[in-house]
Amino acid sequence: MPTYAHQCQNKDCSHEWEDDYSIKQDPPTTCPQCKQKTAKRLISGGSGRGIVELSGNDLVAKVKADAQQLKRDASKKESVYANLLGESKYQDLQSRMDKQRR
């Protein structure tokens, strides 16, 4: 089973601990030290760690905003558009557009 790091978000406590449980299980919300429901699972990897803060409607809104930004970038930069479409599809599209121009 994987090991997850947790931290209490209560400013008076800020207790950190590790816990082993299945990826299918919900993370604990109760701090084992202060017994308040202020615990968050920390995300770690490489050079640092952070707290997952977005969920539900906030996450959906963030993804939609990121998608809109990606659309704007793709319309301004040909290389971004080509990367999104894929090389072979992009080449096919360019070939068809060239034939239509003739």
N, C-alpha and C. Protein backbone atom coordinates (compact mmCIF):
# COMPACT_ATOMS: atom_id res chain seq x y z
N MET A 1 0.83 -1.19 0.00
CA MET A 1 0.00 0.00 0.00
C MET A 1 0.87 1.25 0.00
N PRO A 2 0.41 2.29 -0.67
CA PRO A 2 1.19 3.52 -0.71
C PRO A 2 1.18 4.26 0.63
N THR A 3 2.21 5.05 0.84
CA THR A 3 2.32 5.88 2.03
C THR A 3 2.03 7.32 1.63
N TYR A 4 1.15 7.97 2.37
CA TYR A 4 0.77 9.34 2.09
C TYR A 4 1.15 10.25 3.25
N ALA A 5 1.60 11.45 2.92
CA ALA A 5 1.90 12.45 3.94
C ALA A 5 0.67 13.31 4.16
N HIS A 6 0.46 13.72 5.41
CA HIS A 6 -0.70 14.53 5.78
C HIS A 6 -0.25 15.68 6.68
N GLN A 7 -1.06 16.73 6.72
CA GLN A 7 -0.77 17.85 7.59
C GLN A 7 -2.09 18.42 8.10
N CYS A 8 -2.10 18.77 9.37
CA CYS A 8 -3.26 19.44 9.97
C CYS A 8 -3.22 20.90 9.56
N GLN A 9 -4.34 21.42 9.10
CA GLN A 9 -4.42 22.81 8.66
C GLN A 9 -4.77 23.76 9.79
N ASN A 10 -5.00 23.23 10.99
CA ASN A 10 -5.26 24.05 12.16
C ASN A 10 -3.97 24.78 12.51
N LYS A 11 -3.99 26.12 12.53
CA LYS A 11 -2.77 26.90 12.76
C LYS A 11 -2.15 26.64 14.13
N ASP A 12 -2.95 26.25 15.09
CA ASP A 12 -2.42 25.96 16.43
C ASP A 12 -1.76 24.58 16.48
N CYS A 13 -2.08 23.71 15.54
CA CYS A 13 -1.57 22.34 15.58
C CYS A 13 -0.47 22.11 14.54
N SER A 14 -0.81 22.17 13.25
CA SER A 14 0.11 21.95 12.12
C SER A 14 0.86 20.62 12.19
N HIS A 15 0.24 19.62 12.82
CA HIS A 15 0.85 18.29 12.96
C HIS A 15 1.01 17.64 11.58
N GLU A 16 2.16 17.00 11.33
CA GLU A 16 2.40 16.26 10.10
C GLU A 16 2.62 14.80 10.43
N TRP A 17 2.10 13.92 9.59
CA TRP A 17 2.27 12.48 9.78
C TRP A 17 2.11 11.77 8.45
N GLU A 18 2.54 10.51 8.44
CA GLU A 18 2.39 9.64 7.27
C GLU A 18 1.43 8.52 7.62
N ASP A 19 0.72 8.06 6.61
CA ASP A 19 -0.27 7.01 6.82
C ASP A 19 -0.28 6.10 5.59
N ASP A 20 -0.48 4.80 5.80
CA ASP A 20 -0.57 3.82 4.71
C ASP A 20 -2.02 3.41 4.54
N TYR A 21 -2.53 3.55 3.30
CA TYR A 21 -3.87 3.07 3.00
C TYR A 21 -4.03 2.93 1.50
N SER A 22 -5.06 2.23 1.09
CA SER A 22 -5.31 1.98 -0.32
C SER A 22 -5.61 3.27 -1.06
N ILE A 23 -5.25 3.30 -2.33
CA ILE A 23 -5.54 4.47 -3.16
C ILE A 23 -7.05 4.65 -3.34
N LYS A 24 -7.80 3.59 -3.15
CA LYS A 24 -9.25 3.65 -3.28
C LYS A 24 -9.92 4.25 -2.05
N GLN A 25 -9.23 4.29 -0.93
CA GLN A 25 -9.78 4.86 0.30
C GLN A 25 -9.72 6.37 0.27
N ASP A 26 -10.69 7.00 0.92
CA ASP A 26 -10.66 8.45 1.08
C ASP A 26 -9.58 8.81 2.09
N PRO A 27 -8.90 9.94 1.89
CA PRO A 27 -7.87 10.35 2.85
C PRO A 27 -8.51 10.75 4.18
N PRO A 28 -7.78 10.61 5.28
CA PRO A 28 -8.33 11.00 6.57
C PRO A 28 -8.54 12.51 6.64
N THR A 29 -9.56 12.91 7.36
CA THR A 29 -9.84 14.34 7.54
C THR A 29 -9.63 14.78 8.98
N THR A 30 -9.49 13.83 9.89
CA THR A 30 -9.31 14.15 11.30
C THR A 30 -7.84 14.05 11.70
N CYS A 31 -7.34 15.08 12.32
CA CYS A 31 -5.96 15.09 12.78
C CYS A 31 -5.84 14.19 14.01
N PRO A 32 -4.85 13.28 14.05
CA PRO A 32 -4.71 12.39 15.20
C PRO A 32 -4.23 13.11 16.47
N GLN A 33 -3.67 14.30 16.31
CA GLN A 33 -3.17 15.02 17.48
C GLN A 33 -4.23 15.92 18.11
N CYS A 34 -4.85 16.81 17.31
CA CYS A 34 -5.83 17.75 17.89
C CYS A 34 -7.27 17.28 17.75
N LYS A 35 -7.49 16.19 16.99
CA LYS A 35 -8.80 15.55 16.79
C LYS A 35 -9.81 16.44 16.05
N GLN A 36 -9.32 17.47 15.36
CA GLN A 36 -10.22 18.31 14.56
C GLN A 36 -10.21 17.83 13.12
N LYS A 37 -11.27 18.13 12.40
CA LYS A 37 -11.39 17.71 10.99
C LYS A 37 -10.72 18.74 10.08
N THR A 38 -9.41 18.88 10.26
CA THR A 38 -8.64 19.88 9.50
C THR A 38 -7.45 19.25 8.78
N ALA A 39 -7.45 17.94 8.60
CA ALA A 39 -6.32 17.25 7.97
C ALA A 39 -6.44 17.29 6.46
N LYS A 40 -5.31 17.43 5.78
CA LYS A 40 -5.23 17.41 4.33
C LYS A 40 -4.10 16.49 3.91
N ARG A 41 -4.32 15.76 2.83
CA ARG A 41 -3.25 14.93 2.27
C ARG A 41 -2.33 15.83 1.46
N LEU A 42 -1.03 15.65 1.63
CA LEU A 42 -0.04 16.44 0.91
C LEU A 42 0.38 15.71 -0.35
N ILE A 43 0.63 16.46 -1.38
CA ILE A 43 1.13 15.91 -2.63
C ILE A 43 2.62 16.18 -2.66
N SER A 44 3.40 15.14 -2.86
CA SER A 44 4.85 15.33 -2.90
C SER A 44 5.39 14.74 -4.18
N GLY A 45 6.54 15.22 -4.55
CA GLY A 45 7.18 14.71 -5.74
C GLY A 45 8.31 15.62 -6.14
N GLY A 46 9.45 15.06 -6.29
CA GLY A 46 10.58 15.85 -6.74
C GLY A 46 11.05 16.84 -5.69
N SER A 47 10.92 18.12 -6.01
CA SER A 47 11.53 19.14 -5.17
C SER A 47 10.63 19.70 -4.09
N GLY A 48 9.38 19.34 -4.04
CA GLY A 48 8.52 19.94 -3.03
C GLY A 48 7.22 19.20 -2.85
N ARG A 49 6.36 19.81 -2.08
CA ARG A 49 5.05 19.22 -1.86
C ARG A 49 4.04 20.34 -1.70
N GLY A 50 2.79 20.00 -1.88
CA GLY A 50 1.74 20.99 -1.77
C GLY A 50 0.44 20.33 -1.40
N ILE A 51 -0.58 21.12 -1.21
CA ILE A 51 -1.89 20.62 -0.80
C ILE A 51 -2.83 20.72 -2.00
N VAL A 52 -3.59 19.68 -2.23
CA VAL A 52 -4.58 19.72 -3.29
C VAL A 52 -5.72 20.60 -2.79
N GLU A 53 -5.93 21.72 -3.46
CA GLU A 53 -6.91 22.68 -2.98
C GLU A 53 -8.17 22.74 -3.82
N LEU A 54 -8.11 22.31 -5.07
CA LEU A 54 -9.26 22.42 -5.94
C LEU A 54 -10.02 21.11 -6.01
N SER A 55 -11.33 21.21 -5.94
CA SER A 55 -12.19 20.04 -6.12
C SER A 55 -13.56 20.54 -6.53
N GLY A 56 -14.37 19.66 -7.03
CA GLY A 56 -15.74 20.00 -7.39
C GLY A 56 -15.81 21.11 -8.42
N ASN A 57 -16.67 22.10 -8.14
CA ASN A 57 -16.90 23.20 -9.08
C ASN A 57 -15.66 24.06 -9.29
N ASP A 58 -14.84 24.22 -8.26
CA ASP A 58 -13.60 25.00 -8.41
C ASP A 58 -12.67 24.34 -9.41
N LEU A 59 -12.55 23.03 -9.33
CA LEU A 59 -11.70 22.29 -10.26
C LEU A 59 -12.24 22.39 -11.68
N VAL A 60 -13.55 22.26 -11.84
CA VAL A 60 -14.17 22.37 -13.16
C VAL A 60 -13.92 23.75 -13.75
N ALA A 61 -14.08 24.79 -12.94
CA ALA A 61 -13.86 26.16 -13.41
C ALA A 61 -12.41 26.36 -13.83
N LYS A 62 -11.46 25.81 -13.08
CA LYS A 62 -10.05 25.94 -13.41
C LYS A 62 -9.73 25.23 -14.72
N VAL A 63 -10.28 24.03 -14.90
CA VAL A 63 -10.04 23.28 -16.13
C VAL A 63 -10.63 24.02 -17.33
N LYS A 64 -11.83 24.59 -17.18
CA LYS A 64 -12.43 25.36 -18.27
C LYS A 64 -11.59 26.58 -18.61
N ALA A 65 -11.10 27.28 -17.60
CA ALA A 65 -10.26 28.45 -17.84
C ALA A 65 -8.96 28.06 -18.54
N ASP A 66 -8.37 26.95 -18.11
CA ASP A 66 -7.14 26.48 -18.76
C ASP A 66 -7.41 26.09 -20.22
N ALA A 67 -8.56 25.47 -20.48
CA ALA A 67 -8.91 25.08 -21.84
C ALA A 67 -9.10 26.32 -22.73
N GLN A 68 -9.74 27.35 -22.19
CA GLN A 68 -9.91 28.58 -22.96
C GLN A 68 -8.56 29.21 -23.28
N GLN A 69 -7.65 29.21 -22.32
CA GLN A 69 -6.31 29.76 -22.55
C GLN A 69 -5.57 28.95 -23.61
N LEU A 70 -5.72 27.64 -23.56
CA LEU A 70 -5.08 26.78 -24.55
C LEU A 70 -5.63 27.05 -25.95
N LYS A 71 -6.94 27.29 -26.06
CA LYS A 71 -7.54 27.63 -27.35
C LYS A 71 -6.97 28.94 -27.89
N ARG A 72 -6.82 29.93 -27.00
CA ARG A 72 -6.25 31.21 -27.42
C ARG A 72 -4.81 31.02 -27.89
N ASP A 73 -4.04 30.24 -27.13
CA ASP A 73 -2.64 29.99 -27.51
C ASP A 73 -2.56 29.26 -28.84
N ALA A 74 -3.45 28.29 -29.05
CA ALA A 74 -3.43 27.50 -30.29
C ALA A 74 -3.80 28.37 -31.49
N SER A 75 -4.68 29.35 -31.29
CA SER A 75 -5.06 30.20 -32.42
C SER A 75 -3.96 31.20 -32.76
N LYS A 76 -3.07 31.48 -31.82
CA LYS A 76 -1.99 32.45 -32.06
C LYS A 76 -0.69 31.79 -32.52
N LYS A 77 -0.46 30.56 -32.09
CA LYS A 77 0.82 29.90 -32.38
C LYS A 77 0.59 28.60 -33.14
N GLU A 78 1.16 28.51 -34.30
CA GLU A 78 0.98 27.32 -35.14
C GLU A 78 1.58 26.08 -34.48
N SER A 79 2.70 26.25 -33.77
CA SER A 79 3.34 25.10 -33.14
C SER A 79 2.46 24.50 -32.03
N VAL A 80 1.75 25.34 -31.28
CA VAL A 80 0.84 24.84 -30.24
C VAL A 80 -0.31 24.09 -30.88
N TYR A 81 -0.85 24.66 -31.96
CA TYR A 81 -1.96 24.00 -32.67
C TYR A 81 -1.52 22.65 -33.21
N ALA A 82 -0.33 22.59 -33.80
CA ALA A 82 0.18 21.34 -34.35
C ALA A 82 0.38 20.30 -33.24
N ASN A 83 0.87 20.72 -32.10
CA ASN A 83 1.05 19.78 -30.98
C ASN A 83 -0.27 19.25 -30.47
N LEU A 84 -1.29 20.09 -30.43
CA LEU A 84 -2.60 19.64 -29.96
C LEU A 84 -3.24 18.66 -30.94
N LEU A 85 -3.09 18.95 -32.22
CA LEU A 85 -3.72 18.13 -33.25
C LEU A 85 -2.98 16.82 -33.48
N GLY A 86 -1.69 16.83 -33.35
CA GLY A 86 -0.87 15.67 -33.67
C GLY A 86 -0.23 15.87 -35.02
N GLU A 87 0.99 15.41 -35.16
CA GLU A 87 1.77 15.70 -36.37
C GLU A 87 1.12 15.19 -37.65
N SER A 88 0.68 13.94 -37.65
CA SER A 88 0.12 13.38 -38.90
C SER A 88 -1.19 14.07 -39.28
N LYS A 89 -2.05 14.33 -38.32
CA LYS A 89 -3.31 15.02 -38.62
C LYS A 89 -3.06 16.45 -39.07
N TYR A 90 -2.09 17.09 -38.46
CA TYR A 90 -1.75 18.45 -38.84
C TYR A 90 -1.23 18.49 -40.28
N GLN A 91 -0.36 17.54 -40.64
CA GLN A 91 0.17 17.48 -41.99
C GLN A 91 -0.95 17.21 -43.01
N ASP A 92 -1.87 16.30 -42.67
CA ASP A 92 -3.01 16.01 -43.55
C ASP A 92 -3.86 17.26 -43.76
N LEU A 93 -4.12 17.97 -42.68
CA LEU A 93 -4.93 19.19 -42.76
C LEU A 93 -4.23 20.24 -43.63
N GLN A 94 -2.94 20.40 -43.44
CA GLN A 94 -2.18 21.36 -44.25
C GLN A 94 -2.21 20.97 -45.74
N SER A 95 -2.09 19.68 -46.02
CA SER A 95 -2.14 19.21 -47.42
C SER A 95 -3.49 19.51 -48.05
N ARG A 96 -4.58 19.24 -47.32
CA ARG A 96 -5.91 19.53 -47.85
C ARG A 96 -6.12 21.02 -48.07
N MET A 97 -5.63 21.84 -47.17
CA MET A 97 -5.76 23.29 -47.31
C MET A 97 -4.96 23.78 -48.52
N ASP A 98 -3.77 23.22 -48.72
CA ASP A 98 -2.97 23.59 -49.89
C ASP A 98 -3.68 23.22 -51.19
N LYS A 99 -4.32 22.07 -51.24
CA LYS A 99 -5.04 21.65 -52.45
C LYS A 99 -6.22 22.56 -52.72
N GLN A 100 -6.90 23.01 -51.68
CA GLN A 100 -8.05 23.89 -51.85
C GLN A 100 -7.63 25.27 -52.38
N ARG A 101 -6.45 25.71 -52.02
CA ARG A 101 -5.95 27.02 -52.47
C ARG A 101 -5.62 27.03 -53.96
N ARG A 102 -5.35 25.88 -54.54
CA ARG A 102 -4.95 25.81 -55.96
C ARG A 102 -6.11 25.98 -56.87
